[in-house]
Every structure is written in C-alpha cells, then in structure tokens.
Amino acid sequence: TRDQAICVKMGCAGNNIQMQCLGEDDAWNLFRYYVGEEIINAD
C-alpha cells in the first residue's frame, strides 16, 4: 500500500518494510528488462 494508515487499520503496522524508489542503475536495469535489449540497442 502507499498509505501507512491502511497498515494500521489492518493490524500489521509493526511488520512494515518501507520500500524506496530504485536507484539510477537499478531503475535502468529494470526498464531494460521490460523493454528488451534488442529494442534499447537498436538505435
């Protein structure tokens, strides 16, 4: 969820793992994975 209040309402507020945005390299690798190397490197 994007909303911490939802975790509290569901009773799982103590077991949270807060996700952060990806760093530059990880973001690029994830994007390349979904697009495909053949498209990215075509031009």
PDB file of all heavy atoms in Angstrom:
ATOM      1  N   THR A   1       0.844  -1.185   0.000  1.00  0.00           N
ATOM      2  CA  THR A   1       0.000   0.000   0.000  1.00  0.00           C
ATOM      3  C   THR A   1       0.880   1.235   0.000  1.00  0.00           C
ATOM      4  O   THR A   1       2.029   1.195   0.425  1.00  0.00           O
ATOM      5  CB  THR A   1      -0.944   0.021   1.220  1.00  0.00           C
ATOM      6  OG1 THR A   1      -1.730   1.213   1.162  1.00  0.00           O
ATOM      7  CG2 THR A   1      -0.175  -0.017   2.527  1.00  0.00           C
ATOM      8  N   ARG A   2       0.319   2.318  -0.479  1.00  0.00           N
ATOM      9  CA  ARG A   2       1.018   3.603  -0.440  1.00  0.00           C
ATOM     10  C   ARG A   2       0.667   4.375   0.826  1.00  0.00           C
ATOM     11  O   ARG A   2       1.252   5.391   1.107  1.00  0.00           O
ATOM     12  CB  ARG A   2       0.629   4.434  -1.661  1.00  0.00           C
ATOM     13  CG  ARG A   2       1.130   3.881  -2.948  1.00  0.00           C
ATOM     14  CD  ARG A   2       0.634   4.755  -4.108  1.00  0.00           C
ATOM     15  NE  ARG A   2       1.043   4.188  -5.366  1.00  0.00           N
ATOM     16  CZ  ARG A   2       0.385   3.246  -6.015  1.00  0.00           C
ATOM     17  NH1 ARG A   2      -0.732   2.763  -5.536  1.00  0.00           N
ATOM     18  NH2 ARG A   2       0.835   2.780  -7.156  1.00  0.00           N
ATOM     19  N   ASP A   3      -0.308   3.889   1.574  1.00  0.00           N
ATOM     20  CA  ASP A   3      -0.833   4.624   2.716  1.00  0.00           C
ATOM     21  C   ASP A   3      -0.565   3.862   4.013  1.00  0.00           C
ATOM     22  O   ASP A   3      -1.087   2.772   4.229  1.00  0.00           O
ATOM     23  CB  ASP A   3      -2.338   4.829   2.516  1.00  0.00           C
ATOM     24  CG  ASP A   3      -2.960   5.747   3.540  1.00  0.00           C
ATOM     25  OD1 ASP A   3      -2.297   6.093   4.546  1.00  0.00           O
ATOM     26  OD2 ASP A   3      -4.128   6.115   3.335  1.00  0.00           O
ATOM     27  N   GLN A   4       0.252   4.441   4.869  1.00  0.00           N
ATOM     28  CA  GLN A   4       0.610   3.829   6.150  1.00  0.00           C
ATOM     29  C   GLN A   4      -0.622   3.565   7.013  1.00  0.00           C
ATOM     30  O   GLN A   4      -0.666   2.594   7.767  1.00  0.00           O
ATOM     31  CB  GLN A   4       1.593   4.739   6.884  1.00  0.00           C
ATOM     32  CG  GLN A   4       2.178   4.168   8.135  1.00  0.00           C
ATOM     33  CD  GLN A   4       3.215   3.095   7.848  1.00  0.00           C
ATOM     34  OE1 GLN A   4       3.765   3.024   6.769  1.00  0.00           O
ATOM     35  NE2 GLN A   4       3.473   2.258   8.823  1.00  0.00           N
ATOM     36  N   ALA A   5      -1.639   4.406   6.909  1.00  0.00           N
ATOM     37  CA  ALA A   5      -2.857   4.253   7.711  1.00  0.00           C
ATOM     38  C   ALA A   5      -3.567   2.931   7.408  1.00  0.00           C
ATOM     39  O   ALA A   5      -4.198   2.344   8.285  1.00  0.00           O
ATOM     40  CB  ALA A   5      -3.799   5.424   7.471  1.00  0.00           C
ATOM     41  N   ILE A   6      -3.465   2.449   6.202  1.00  0.00           N
ATOM     42  CA  ILE A   6      -4.082   1.180   5.846  1.00  0.00           C
ATOM     43  C   ILE A   6      -3.425   0.035   6.621  1.00  0.00           C
ATOM     44  O   ILE A   6      -4.098  -0.866   7.106  1.00  0.00           O
ATOM     45  CB  ILE A   6      -4.012   0.940   4.325  1.00  0.00           C
ATOM     46  CG1 ILE A   6      -4.926   1.948   3.626  1.00  0.00           C
ATOM     47  CG2 ILE A   6      -4.400  -0.491   3.971  1.00  0.00           C
ATOM     48  CD1 ILE A   6      -4.843   1.943   2.132  1.00  0.00           C
ATOM     49  N   CYS A   7      -2.109   0.093   6.752  1.00  0.00           N
ATOM     50  CA  CYS A   7      -1.403  -0.937   7.541  1.00  0.00           C
ATOM     51  C   CYS A   7      -1.887  -0.926   8.982  1.00  0.00           C
ATOM     52  O   CYS A   7      -2.100  -1.982   9.579  1.00  0.00           O
ATOM     53  CB  CYS A   7       0.101  -0.690   7.501  1.00  0.00           C
ATOM     54  SG  CYS A   7       0.839  -0.989   5.895  1.00  0.00           S
ATOM     55  N   VAL A   8      -2.069   0.259   9.540  1.00  0.00           N
ATOM     56  CA  VAL A   8      -2.534   0.373  10.921  1.00  0.00           C
ATOM     57  C   VAL A   8      -3.935  -0.230  11.044  1.00  0.00           C
ATOM     58  O   VAL A   8      -4.208  -1.001  11.963  1.00  0.00           O
ATOM     59  CB  VAL A   8      -2.518   1.848  11.389  1.00  0.00           C
ATOM     60  CG1 VAL A   8      -3.179   2.007  12.739  1.00  0.00           C
ATOM     61  CG2 VAL A   8      -1.089   2.369  11.418  1.00  0.00           C
ATOM     62  N   LYS A   9      -4.828   0.093  10.106  1.00  0.00           N
ATOM     63  CA  LYS A   9      -6.201  -0.431  10.145  1.00  0.00           C
ATOM     64  C   LYS A   9      -6.243  -1.953  10.005  1.00  0.00           C
ATOM     65  O   LYS A   9      -7.123  -2.605  10.556  1.00  0.00           O
ATOM     66  CB  LYS A   9      -7.038   0.197   9.036  1.00  0.00           C
ATOM     67  CG  LYS A   9      -7.382   1.645   9.280  1.00  0.00           C
ATOM     68  CD  LYS A   9      -8.186   2.212   8.140  1.00  0.00           C
ATOM     69  CE  LYS A   9      -8.468   3.684   8.360  1.00  0.00           C
ATOM     70  NZ  LYS A   9      -9.177   4.272   7.208  1.00  0.00           N
ATOM     71  N   MET A  10      -5.291  -2.520   9.296  1.00  0.00           N
ATOM     72  CA  MET A  10      -5.263  -3.968   9.092  1.00  0.00           C
ATOM     73  C   MET A  10      -4.529  -4.695  10.213  1.00  0.00           C
ATOM     74  O   MET A  10      -4.469  -5.921  10.224  1.00  0.00           O
ATOM     75  CB  MET A  10      -4.617  -4.297   7.754  1.00  0.00           C
ATOM     76  CG  MET A  10      -5.446  -3.829   6.584  1.00  0.00           C
ATOM     77  SD  MET A  10      -4.699  -4.240   5.011  1.00  0.00           S
ATOM     78  CE  MET A  10      -4.854  -6.001   5.015  1.00  0.00           C
ATOM     79  N   GLY A  11      -3.955  -3.935  11.132  1.00  0.00           N
ATOM     80  CA  GLY A  11      -3.265  -4.543  12.258  1.00  0.00           C
ATOM     81  C   GLY A  11      -1.892  -5.089  11.936  1.00  0.00           C
ATOM     82  O   GLY A  11      -1.377  -5.939  12.654  1.00  0.00           O
ATOM     83  N   CYS A  12      -1.305  -4.615  10.874  1.00  0.00           N
ATOM     84  CA  CYS A  12       0.023  -5.112  10.512  1.00  0.00           C
ATOM     85  C   CYS A  12       1.054  -3.989  10.493  1.00  0.00           C
ATOM     86  O   CYS A  12       2.047  -4.047   9.785  1.00  0.00           O
ATOM     87  CB  CYS A  12      -0.015  -5.835   9.170  1.00  0.00           C
ATOM     88  SG  CYS A  12      -0.698  -4.873   7.824  1.00  0.00           S
ATOM     89  N   ALA A  13       0.822  -2.967  11.297  1.00  0.00           N
ATOM     90  CA  ALA A  13       1.710  -1.804  11.298  1.00  0.00           C
ATOM     91  C   ALA A  13       3.100  -2.119  11.831  1.00  0.00           C
ATOM     92  O   ALA A  13       4.064  -1.470  11.464  1.00  0.00           O
ATOM     93  CB  ALA A  13       1.091  -0.668  12.110  1.00  0.00           C
ATOM     94  N   GLY A  14       3.239  -3.117  12.671  1.00  0.00           N
ATOM     95  CA  GLY A  14       4.542  -3.432  13.242  1.00  0.00           C
ATOM     96  C   GLY A  14       5.456  -4.220  12.322  1.00  0.00           C
ATOM     97  O   GLY A  14       6.645  -4.343  12.583  1.00  0.00           O
ATOM     98  N   ASN A  15       4.928  -4.765  11.243  1.00  0.00           N
ATOM     99  CA  ASN A  15       5.711  -5.610  10.340  1.00  0.00           C
ATOM    100  C   ASN A  15       5.968  -4.943   8.996  1.00  0.00           C
ATOM    101  O   ASN A  15       6.029  -5.623   7.973  1.00  0.00           O
ATOM    102  CB  ASN A  15       4.984  -6.945  10.109  1.00  0.00           C
ATOM    103  CG  ASN A  15       4.840  -7.736  11.379  1.00  0.00           C
ATOM    104  OD1 ASN A  15       5.750  -7.745  12.198  1.00  0.00           O
ATOM    105  ND2 ASN A  15       3.711  -8.382  11.563  1.00  0.00           N
ATOM    106  N   ASN A  16       6.110  -3.652   8.993  1.00  0.00           N
ATOM    107  CA  ASN A  16       6.253  -2.925   7.732  1.00  0.00           C
ATOM    108  C   ASN A  16       7.678  -2.954   7.207  1.00  0.00           C
ATOM    109  O   ASN A  16       8.631  -2.897   7.961  1.00  0.00           O
ATOM    110  CB  ASN A  16       5.854  -1.460   7.903  1.00  0.00           C
ATOM    111  CG  ASN A  16       4.385  -1.295   8.163  1.00  0.00           C
ATOM    112  OD1 ASN A  16       3.619  -2.234   8.059  1.00  0.00           O
ATOM    113  ND2 ASN A  16       3.997  -0.091   8.511  1.00  0.00           N
ATOM    114  N   ILE A  17       7.762  -3.016   5.921  1.00  0.00           N
ATOM    115  CA  ILE A  17       9.017  -2.814   5.219  1.00  0.00           C
ATOM    116  C   ILE A  17       8.754  -1.663   4.270  1.00  0.00           C
ATOM    117  O   ILE A  17       7.951  -1.780   3.344  1.00  0.00           O
ATOM    118  CB  ILE A  17       9.448  -4.061   4.422  1.00  0.00           C
ATOM    119  CG1 ILE A  17       9.648  -5.239   5.356  1.00  0.00           C
ATOM    120  CG2 ILE A  17      10.708  -3.756   3.623  1.00  0.00           C
ATOM    121  CD1 ILE A  17       9.894  -6.549   4.635  1.00  0.00           C
ATOM    122  N   GLN A  18       9.388  -0.548   4.514  1.00  0.00           N
ATOM    123  CA  GLN A  18       9.154   0.615   3.666  1.00  0.00           C
ATOM    124  C   GLN A  18      10.021   0.512   2.416  1.00  0.00           C
ATOM    125  O   GLN A  18      11.237   0.377   2.490  1.00  0.00           O
ATOM    126  CB  GLN A  18       9.470   1.909   4.405  1.00  0.00           C
ATOM    127  CG  GLN A  18       9.113   3.119   3.588  1.00  0.00           C
ATOM    128  CD  GLN A  18       9.194   4.400   4.404  1.00  0.00           C
ATOM    129  OE1 GLN A  18       9.444   4.376   5.585  1.00  0.00           O
ATOM    130  NE2 GLN A  18       8.990   5.508   3.745  1.00  0.00           N
ATOM    131  N   MET A  19       9.358   0.540   1.280  1.00  0.00           N
ATOM    132  CA  MET A  19      10.051   0.445   0.005  1.00  0.00           C
ATOM    133  C   MET A  19      10.487   1.832  -0.440  1.00  0.00           C
ATOM    134  O   MET A  19       9.755   2.802  -0.269  1.00  0.00           O
ATOM    135  CB  MET A  19       9.131  -0.167  -1.052  1.00  0.00           C
ATOM    136  CG  MET A  19       8.618  -1.553  -0.686  1.00  0.00           C
ATOM    137  SD  MET A  19       9.913  -2.754  -0.461  1.00  0.00           S
ATOM    138  CE  MET A  19      10.533  -2.906  -2.106  1.00  0.00           C
ATOM    139  N   GLN A  20      11.639   1.898  -0.991  1.00  0.00           N
ATOM    140  CA  GLN A  20      12.175   3.144  -1.528  1.00  0.00           C
ATOM    141  C   GLN A  20      12.166   3.065  -3.051  1.00  0.00           C
ATOM    142  O   GLN A  20      12.063   1.982  -3.627  1.00  0.00           O
ATOM    143  CB  GLN A  20      13.611   3.363  -1.035  1.00  0.00           C
ATOM    144  CG  GLN A  20      13.744   3.409   0.466  1.00  0.00           C
ATOM    145  CD  GLN A  20      13.011   4.592   1.065  1.00  0.00           C
ATOM    146  OE1 GLN A  20      13.014   5.683   0.518  1.00  0.00           O
ATOM    147  NE2 GLN A  20      12.361   4.356   2.191  1.00  0.00           N
ATOM    148  N   CYS A  21      12.294   4.201  -3.666  1.00  0.00           N
ATOM    149  CA  CYS A  21      12.421   4.218  -5.119  1.00  0.00           C
ATOM    150  C   CYS A  21      13.763   3.595  -5.495  1.00  0.00           C
ATOM    151  O   CYS A  21      14.699   3.569  -4.706  1.00  0.00           O
ATOM    152  CB  CYS A  21      12.352   5.647  -5.636  1.00  0.00           C
ATOM    153  SG  CYS A  21      10.734   6.372  -5.409  1.00  0.00           S
ATOM    154  N   LEU A  22      13.829   3.083  -6.698  1.00  0.00           N
ATOM    155  CA  LEU A  22      15.058   2.466  -7.170  1.00  0.00           C
ATOM    156  C   LEU A  22      16.109   3.520  -7.471  1.00  0.00           C
ATOM    157  O   LEU A  22      15.788   4.631  -7.896  1.00  0.00           O
ATOM    158  CB  LEU A  22      14.786   1.653  -8.438  1.00  0.00           C
ATOM    159  CG  LEU A  22      13.826   0.487  -8.296  1.00  0.00           C
ATOM    160  CD1 LEU A  22      13.567  -0.145  -9.658  1.00  0.00           C
ATOM    161  CD2 LEU A  22      14.372  -0.540  -7.328  1.00  0.00           C
ATOM    162  N   GLY A  23      17.344   3.135  -7.298  1.00  0.00           N
ATOM    163  CA  GLY A  23      18.450   3.992  -7.693  1.00  0.00           C
ATOM    164  C   GLY A  23      18.566   4.031  -9.207  1.00  0.00           C
ATOM    165  O   GLY A  23      17.909   3.259  -9.933  1.00  0.00           O
ATOM    166  N   GLU A  24      19.423   4.888  -9.691  1.00  0.00           N
ATOM    167  CA  GLU A  24      19.569   5.112 -11.125  1.00  0.00           C
ATOM    168  C   GLU A  24      19.904   3.825 -11.894  1.00  0.00           C
ATOM    169  O   GLU A  24      19.276   3.506 -12.900  1.00  0.00           O
ATOM    170  CB  GLU A  24      20.669   6.162 -11.344  1.00  0.00           C
ATOM    171  CG  GLU A  24      20.661   6.820 -12.680  1.00  0.00           C
ATOM    172  CD  GLU A  24      21.674   7.941 -12.737  1.00  0.00           C
ATOM    173  OE1 GLU A  24      21.602   8.867 -11.902  1.00  0.00           O
ATOM    174  OE2 GLU A  24      22.541   7.878 -13.620  1.00  0.00           O
ATOM    175  N   ASP A  25      20.892   3.078 -11.410  1.00  0.00           N
ATOM    176  CA  ASP A  25      21.309   1.850 -12.110  1.00  0.00           C
ATOM    177  C   ASP A  25      20.224   0.779 -12.064  1.00  0.00           C
ATOM    178  O   ASP A  25      19.950   0.125 -13.074  1.00  0.00           O
ATOM    179  CB  ASP A  25      22.607   1.302 -11.502  1.00  0.00           C
ATOM    180  CG  ASP A  25      23.812   2.176 -11.810  1.00  0.00           C
ATOM    181  OD1 ASP A  25      23.751   2.974 -12.774  1.00  0.00           O
ATOM    182  OD2 ASP A  25      24.815   2.076 -11.076  1.00  0.00           O
ATOM    183  N   ASP A  26      19.623   0.595 -10.886  1.00  0.00           N
ATOM    184  CA  ASP A  26      18.567  -0.414 -10.769  1.00  0.00           C
ATOM    185  C   ASP A  26      17.352  -0.055 -11.617  1.00  0.00           C
ATOM    186  O   ASP A  26      16.728  -0.928 -12.226  1.00  0.00           O
ATOM    187  CB  ASP A  26      18.154  -0.599  -9.311  1.00  0.00           C
ATOM    188  CG  ASP A  26      19.228  -1.284  -8.490  1.00  0.00           C
ATOM    189  OD1 ASP A  26      20.021  -2.059  -9.067  1.00  0.00           O
ATOM    190  OD2 ASP A  26      19.287  -1.051  -7.265  1.00  0.00           O
ATOM    191  N   ALA A  27      17.021   1.229 -11.660  1.00  0.00           N
ATOM    192  CA  ALA A  27      15.891   1.684 -12.479  1.00  0.00           C
ATOM    193  C   ALA A  27      16.167   1.403 -13.956  1.00  0.00           C
ATOM    194  O   ALA A  27      15.297   0.897 -14.681  1.00  0.00           O
ATOM    195  CB  ALA A  27      15.627   3.165 -12.247  1.00  0.00           C
ATOM    196  N   TRP A  28      17.366   1.699 -14.402  1.00  0.00           N
ATOM    197  CA  TRP A  28      17.739   1.466 -15.797  1.00  0.00           C
ATOM    198  C   TRP A  28      17.700  -0.033 -16.112  1.00  0.00           C
ATOM    199  O   TRP A  28      17.193  -0.447 -17.151  1.00  0.00           O
ATOM    200  CB  TRP A  28      19.113   2.062 -16.081  1.00  0.00           C
ATOM    201  CG  TRP A  28      19.648   1.777 -17.448  1.00  0.00           C
ATOM    202  CD1 TRP A  28      20.782   1.098 -17.764  1.00  0.00           C
ATOM    203  CD2 TRP A  28      19.078   2.173 -18.711  1.00  0.00           C
ATOM    204  NE1 TRP A  28      20.947   1.037 -19.125  1.00  0.00           N
ATOM    205  CE2 TRP A  28      19.926   1.689 -19.724  1.00  0.00           C
ATOM    206  CE3 TRP A  28      17.936   2.875 -19.067  1.00  0.00           C
ATOM    207  CZ2 TRP A  28      19.651   1.885 -21.079  1.00  0.00           C
ATOM    208  CZ3 TRP A  28      17.667   3.080 -20.421  1.00  0.00           C
ATOM    209  CH2 TRP A  28      18.518   2.596 -21.409  1.00  0.00           C
ATOM    210  N   ASN A  29      18.210  -0.860 -15.210  1.00  0.00           N
ATOM    211  CA  ASN A  29      18.204  -2.309 -15.430  1.00  0.00           C
ATOM    212  C   ASN A  29      16.788  -2.867 -15.493  1.00  0.00           C
ATOM    213  O   ASN A  29      16.489  -3.727 -16.335  1.00  0.00           O
ATOM    214  CB  ASN A  29      19.008  -3.018 -14.345  1.00  0.00           C
ATOM    215  CG  ASN A  29      20.495  -2.767 -14.480  1.00  0.00           C
ATOM    216  OD1 ASN A  29      20.995  -2.473 -15.564  1.00  0.00           O
ATOM    217  ND2 ASN A  29      21.210  -2.853 -13.372  1.00  0.00           N
ATOM    218  N   LEU A  30      15.911  -2.391 -14.605  1.00  0.00           N
ATOM    219  CA  LEU A  30      14.518  -2.849 -14.621  1.00  0.00           C
ATOM    220  C   LEU A  30      13.840  -2.444 -15.919  1.00  0.00           C
ATOM    221  O   LEU A  30      13.146  -3.247 -16.553  1.00  0.00           O
ATOM    222  CB  LEU A  30      13.750  -2.295 -13.422  1.00  0.00           C
ATOM    223  CG  LEU A  30      12.286  -2.712 -13.305  1.00  0.00           C
ATOM    224  CD1 LEU A  30      12.164  -4.225 -13.096  1.00  0.00           C
ATOM    225  CD2 LEU A  30      11.624  -1.959 -12.151  1.00  0.00           C
ATOM    226  N   PHE A  31      14.028  -1.223 -16.348  1.00  0.00           N
ATOM    227  CA  PHE A  31      13.426  -0.736 -17.587  1.00  0.00           C
ATOM    228  C   PHE A  31      13.924  -1.557 -18.785  1.00  0.00           C
ATOM    229  O   PHE A  31      13.132  -1.996 -19.626  1.00  0.00           O
ATOM    230  CB  PHE A  31      13.749   0.746 -17.770  1.00  0.00           C
ATOM    231  CG  PHE A  31      12.999   1.394 -18.889  1.00  0.00           C
ATOM    232  CD1 PHE A  31      11.667   1.740 -18.744  1.00  0.00           C
ATOM    233  CD2 PHE A  31      13.626   1.675 -20.092  1.00  0.00           C
ATOM    234  CE1 PHE A  31      10.963   2.350 -19.782  1.00  0.00           C
ATOM    235  CE2 PHE A  31      12.942   2.282 -21.130  1.00  0.00           C
ATOM    236  CZ  PHE A  31      11.609   2.621 -20.975  1.00  0.00           C
ATOM    237  N   ARG A  32      15.232  -1.780 -18.847  1.00  0.00           N
ATOM    238  CA  ARG A  32      15.809  -2.575 -19.943  1.00  0.00           C
ATOM    239  C   ARG A  32      15.251  -3.987 -19.954  1.00  0.00           C
ATOM    240  O   ARG A  32      15.018  -4.565 -21.008  1.00  0.00           O
ATOM    241  CB  ARG A  32      17.337  -2.630 -19.812  1.00  0.00           C
ATOM    242  CG  ARG A  32      18.007  -1.391 -20.290  1.00  0.00           C
ATOM    243  CD  ARG A  32      19.519  -1.521 -20.388  1.00  0.00           C
ATOM    244  NE  ARG A  32      20.036  -2.772 -19.879  1.00  0.00           N
ATOM    245  CZ  ARG A  32      21.128  -2.886 -19.144  1.00  0.00           C
ATOM    246  NH1 ARG A  32      21.808  -1.821 -18.795  1.00  0.00           N
ATOM    247  NH2 ARG A  32      21.546  -4.066 -18.737  1.00  0.00           N
ATOM    248  N   TYR A  33      15.031  -4.547 -18.770  1.00  0.00           N
ATOM    249  CA  TYR A  33      14.468  -5.887 -18.672  1.00  0.00           C
ATOM    250  C   TYR A  33      13.090  -5.951 -19.335  1.00  0.00           C
ATOM    251  O   TYR A  33      12.797  -6.883 -20.078  1.00  0.00           O
ATOM    252  CB  TYR A  33      14.370  -6.302 -17.198  1.00  0.00           C
ATOM    253  CG  TYR A  33      13.649  -7.595 -16.973  1.00  0.00           C
ATOM    254  CD1 TYR A  33      14.283  -8.816 -17.179  1.00  0.00           C
ATOM    255  CD2 TYR A  33      12.314  -7.612 -16.560  1.00  0.00           C
ATOM    256  CE1 TYR A  33      13.610 -10.012 -16.973  1.00  0.00           C
ATOM    257  CE2 TYR A  33      11.643  -8.806 -16.354  1.00  0.00           C
ATOM    258  CZ  TYR A  33      12.304 -10.003 -16.559  1.00  0.00           C
ATOM    259  OH  TYR A  33      11.642 -11.179 -16.360  1.00  0.00           O
ATOM    260  N   TYR A  34      12.247  -4.976 -19.072  1.00  0.00           N
ATOM    261  CA  TYR A  34      10.891  -4.984 -19.620  1.00  0.00           C
ATOM    262  C   TYR A  34      10.845  -4.594 -21.091  1.00  0.00           C
ATOM    263  O   TYR A  34      10.038  -5.135 -21.844  1.00  0.00           O
ATOM    264  CB  TYR A  34       9.957  -4.105 -18.786  1.00  0.00           C
ATOM    265  CG  TYR A  34       9.482  -4.832 -17.564  1.00  0.00           C
ATOM    266  CD1 TYR A  34      10.055  -4.599 -16.331  1.00  0.00           C
ATOM    267  CD2 TYR A  34       8.482  -5.797 -17.651  1.00  0.00           C
ATOM    268  CE1 TYR A  34       9.647  -5.297 -15.211  1.00  0.00           C
ATOM    269  CE2 TYR A  34       8.072  -6.499 -16.543  1.00  0.00           C
ATOM    270  CZ  TYR A  34       8.647  -6.248 -15.328  1.00  0.00           C
ATOM    271  OH  TYR A  34       8.245  -6.953 -14.221  1.00  0.00           O
ATOM    272  N   VAL A  35      11.693  -3.662 -21.500  1.00  0.00           N
ATOM    273  CA  VAL A  35      11.694  -3.260 -22.911  1.00  0.00           C
ATOM    274  C   VAL A  35      12.367  -4.328 -23.756  1.00  0.00           C
ATOM    275  O   VAL A  35      11.874  -4.690 -24.827  1.00  0.00           O
ATOM    276  CB  VAL A  35      12.406  -1.908 -23.114  1.00  0.00           C
ATOM    277  CG1 VAL A  35      12.554  -1.594 -24.595  1.00  0.00           C
ATOM    278  CG2 VAL A  35      11.649  -0.801 -22.416  1.00  0.00           C
ATOM    279  N   GLY A  36      13.502  -4.817 -23.297  1.00  0.00           N
ATOM    280  CA  GLY A  36      14.287  -5.790 -24.053  1.00  0.00           C
ATOM    281  C   GLY A  36      15.510  -5.126 -24.657  1.00  0.00           C
ATOM    282  O   GLY A  36      15.433  -4.013 -25.190  1.00  0.00           O
ATOM    283  N   GLU A  37      16.614  -5.807 -24.540  1.00  0.00           N
ATOM    284  CA  GLU A  37      17.893  -5.270 -25.031  1.00  0.00           C
ATOM    285  C   GLU A  37      17.870  -4.998 -26.532  1.00  0.00           C
ATOM    286  O   GLU A  37      18.465  -4.027 -26.996  1.00  0.00           O
ATOM    287  CB  GLU A  37      19.037  -6.231 -24.703  1.00  0.00           C
ATOM    288  CG  GLU A  37      19.359  -6.343 -23.243  1.00  0.00           C
ATOM    289  CD  GLU A  37      19.943  -5.076 -22.651  1.00  0.00           C
ATOM    290  OE1 GLU A  37      20.623  -4.316 -23.368  1.00  0.00           O
ATOM    291  OE2 GLU A  37      19.698  -4.842 -21.458  1.00  0.00           O
ATOM    292  N   GLU A  38      17.178  -5.852 -27.298  1.00  0.00           N
ATOM    293  CA  GLU A  38      17.179  -5.681 -28.753  1.00  0.00           C
ATOM    294  C   GLU A  38      16.526  -4.365 -29.168  1.00  0.00           C
ATOM    295  O   GLU A  38      16.962  -3.728 -30.129  1.00  0.00           O
ATOM    296  CB  GLU A  38      16.510  -6.870 -29.459  1.00  0.00           C
ATOM    297  CG  GLU A  38      15.037  -7.072 -29.144  1.00  0.00           C
ATOM    298  CD  GLU A  38      14.757  -7.741 -27.798  1.00  0.00           C
ATOM    299  OE1 GLU A  38      15.685  -8.212 -27.136  1.00  0.00           O
ATOM    300  OE2 GLU A  38      13.574  -7.773 -27.401  1.00  0.00           O
ATOM    301  N   ILE A  39      15.506  -3.924 -28.450  1.00  0.00           N
ATOM    302  CA  ILE A  39      14.856  -2.642 -28.757  1.00  0.00           C
ATOM    303  C   ILE A  39      15.738  -1.490 -28.290  1.00  0.00           C
ATOM    304  O   ILE A  39      15.989  -0.542 -29.037  1.00  0.00           O
ATOM    305  CB  ILE A  39      13.463  -2.548 -28.084  1.00  0.00           C
ATOM    306  CG1 ILE A  39      12.531  -3.649 -28.579  1.00  0.00           C
ATOM    307  CG2 ILE A  39      12.856  -1.159 -28.272  1.00  0.00           C
ATOM    308  CD1 ILE A  39      12.055  -3.499 -29.993  1.00  0.00           C
ATOM    309  N   ILE A  40      16.221  -1.567 -27.061  1.00  0.00           N
ATOM    310  CA  ILE A  40      17.053  -0.490 -26.486  1.00  0.00           C
ATOM    311  C   ILE A  40      18.292  -0.250 -27.328  1.00  0.00           C
ATOM    312  O   ILE A  40      18.676   0.888 -27.577  1.00  0.00           O
ATOM    313  CB  ILE A  40      17.465  -0.823 -25.031  1.00  0.00           C
ATOM    314  CG1 ILE A  40      16.258  -0.859 -24.114  1.00  0.00           C
ATOM    315  CG2 ILE A  40      18.527   0.138 -24.517  1.00  0.00           C
ATOM    316  CD1 ILE A  40      15.711   0.470 -23.691  1.00  0.00           C
ATOM    317  N   ASN A  41      18.925  -1.323 -27.782  1.00  0.00           N
ATOM    318  CA  ASN A  41      20.189  -1.195 -28.512  1.00  0.00           C
ATOM    319  C   ASN A  41      20.019  -1.072 -30.020  1.00  0.00           C
ATOM    320  O   ASN A  41      21.006  -0.986 -30.742  1.00  0.00           O
ATOM    321  CB  ASN A  41      21.107  -2.378 -28.183  1.00  0.00           C
ATOM    322  CG  ASN A  41      21.538  -2.350 -26.734  1.00  0.00           C
ATOM    323  OD1 ASN A  41      21.801  -1.293 -26.175  1.00  0.00           O
ATOM    324  ND2 ASN A  41      21.599  -3.512 -26.115  1.00  0.00           N
ATOM    325  N   ALA A  42      18.786  -1.059 -30.499  1.00  0.00           N
ATOM    326  CA  ALA A  42      18.539  -0.986 -31.938  1.00  0.00           C
ATOM    327  C   ALA A  42      18.920   0.373 -32.528  1.00  0.00           C
ATOM    328  O   ALA A  42      19.287   0.465 -33.688  1.00  0.00           O
ATOM    329  CB  ALA A  42      17.079  -1.294 -32.240  1.00  0.00           C
ATOM    330  N   ASP A  43      18.840   1.415 -31.704  1.00  0.00           N
ATOM    331  CA  ASP A  43      19.065   2.765 -32.214  1.00  0.00           C
ATOM    332  C   ASP A  43      19.559   3.641 -31.066  1.00  0.00           C
ATOM    333  O   ASP A  43      19.018   3.577 -29.965  1.00  0.00           O
ATOM    334  CB  ASP A  43      17.740   3.296 -32.774  1.00  0.00           C
ATOM    335  CG  ASP A  43      17.884   4.630 -33.470  1.00  0.00           C
ATOM    336  OD1 ASP A  43      18.168   5.622 -32.771  1.00  0.00           O
ATOM    337  OD2 ASP A  43      17.699   4.680 -34.692  1.00  0.00           O
TER     338      ASP A  43
END
